[in-house]
Amino acid sequence: MAALGLGVDLRVLGRIGGRVTLAVVLSLIILIAISLGLIRLLGIA
């Protein structure tokens, strides 16, 4: 994300609330799980 010029301001995260932060964290965890699953499934390593 940093390579795309997208930064994260922690003060803004504190202001927008826990539900949005939770949604972002859960989506990242799901994306990582899907990626790792595909790597294992396809035998890429």
C-alpha atoms as a PDB file:
ATOM      1  CA  MET A   1       0.000   0.000   0.000  1.00  0.00           C
ATOM      2  CA  ALA A   2       2.880   2.336   0.730  1.00  0.00           C
ATOM      3  CA  ALA A   3       4.181   1.771  -2.801  1.00  0.00           C
ATOM      4  CA  LEU A   4       0.847   3.037  -4.098  1.00  0.00           C
ATOM      5  CA  GLY A   5       1.164   6.172  -2.005  1.00  0.00           C
ATOM      6  CA  LEU A   6      -1.593   5.156   0.394  1.00  0.00           C
ATOM      7  CA  GLY A   7      -0.645   6.059   3.943  1.00  0.00           C
ATOM      8  CA  VAL A   8      -2.355   5.304   7.230  1.00  0.00           C
ATOM      9  CA  ASP A   9      -2.880   8.056   9.775  1.00  0.00           C
ATOM     10  CA  LEU A  10      -3.390   6.464  13.182  1.00  0.00           C
ATOM     11  CA  ARG A  11      -5.255   9.531  14.483  1.00  0.00           C
ATOM     12  CA  VAL A  12      -7.842   9.074  11.752  1.00  0.00           C
ATOM     13  CA  LEU A  13      -8.203   5.384  12.614  1.00  0.00           C
ATOM     14  CA  GLY A  14      -8.919   6.336  16.204  1.00  0.00           C
ATOM     15  CA  ARG A  15     -11.617   8.756  15.095  1.00  0.00           C
ATOM     16  CA  ILE A  16     -13.491   6.504  12.684  1.00  0.00           C
ATOM     17  CA  GLY A  17     -14.232   3.914  15.307  1.00  0.00           C
ATOM     18  CA  GLY A  18     -13.645   0.315  16.138  1.00  0.00           C
ATOM     19  CA  ARG A  19     -16.120  -1.234  13.709  1.00  0.00           C
ATOM     20  CA  VAL A  20     -14.381   0.127  10.638  1.00  0.00           C
ATOM     21  CA  THR A  21     -10.976  -0.818  12.014  1.00  0.00           C
ATOM     22  CA  LEU A  22     -12.256  -4.322  12.772  1.00  0.00           C
ATOM     23  CA  ALA A  23     -13.651  -4.659   9.252  1.00  0.00           C
ATOM     24  CA  VAL A  24     -10.302  -3.644   7.746  1.00  0.00           C
ATOM     25  CA  VAL A  25      -8.334  -6.044   9.940  1.00  0.00           C
ATOM     26  CA  LEU A  26     -10.716  -8.929   9.221  1.00  0.00           C
ATOM     27  CA  SER A  27     -10.562  -8.322   5.485  1.00  0.00           C
ATOM     28  CA  LEU A  28      -6.760  -8.361   5.596  1.00  0.00           C
ATOM     29  CA  ILE A  29      -6.783 -11.612   7.571  1.00  0.00           C
ATOM     30  CA  ILE A  30      -9.164 -13.182   5.045  1.00  0.00           C
ATOM     31  CA  LEU A  31      -7.027 -12.060   2.100  1.00  0.00           C
ATOM     32  CA  ILE A  32      -3.896 -13.477   3.728  1.00  0.00           C
ATOM     33  CA  ALA A  33      -5.674 -16.773   4.461  1.00  0.00           C
ATOM     34  CA  ILE A  34      -6.892 -17.061   0.861  1.00  0.00           C
ATOM     35  CA  SER A  35      -3.406 -16.285  -0.450  1.00  0.00           C
ATOM     36  CA  LEU A  36      -1.739 -18.867   1.787  1.00  0.00           C
ATOM     37  CA  GLY A  37      -4.379 -21.441   0.891  1.00  0.00           C
ATOM     38  CA  LEU A  38      -3.836 -20.914  -2.823  1.00  0.00           C
ATOM     39  CA  ILE A  39      -0.066 -21.131  -2.402  1.00  0.00           C
ATOM     40  CA  ARG A  40      -0.400 -24.479  -0.619  1.00  0.00           C
ATOM     41  CA  LEU A  41      -3.068 -25.761  -3.009  1.00  0.00           C
ATOM     42  CA  LEU A  42      -1.069 -24.919  -6.121  1.00  0.00           C
ATOM     43  CA  GLY A  43       2.247 -26.033  -4.629  1.00  0.00           C
ATOM     44  CA  ILE A  44       3.961 -22.696  -5.122  1.00  0.00           C
ATOM     45  CA  ALA A  45       6.917 -22.226  -2.784  1.00  0.00           C
END
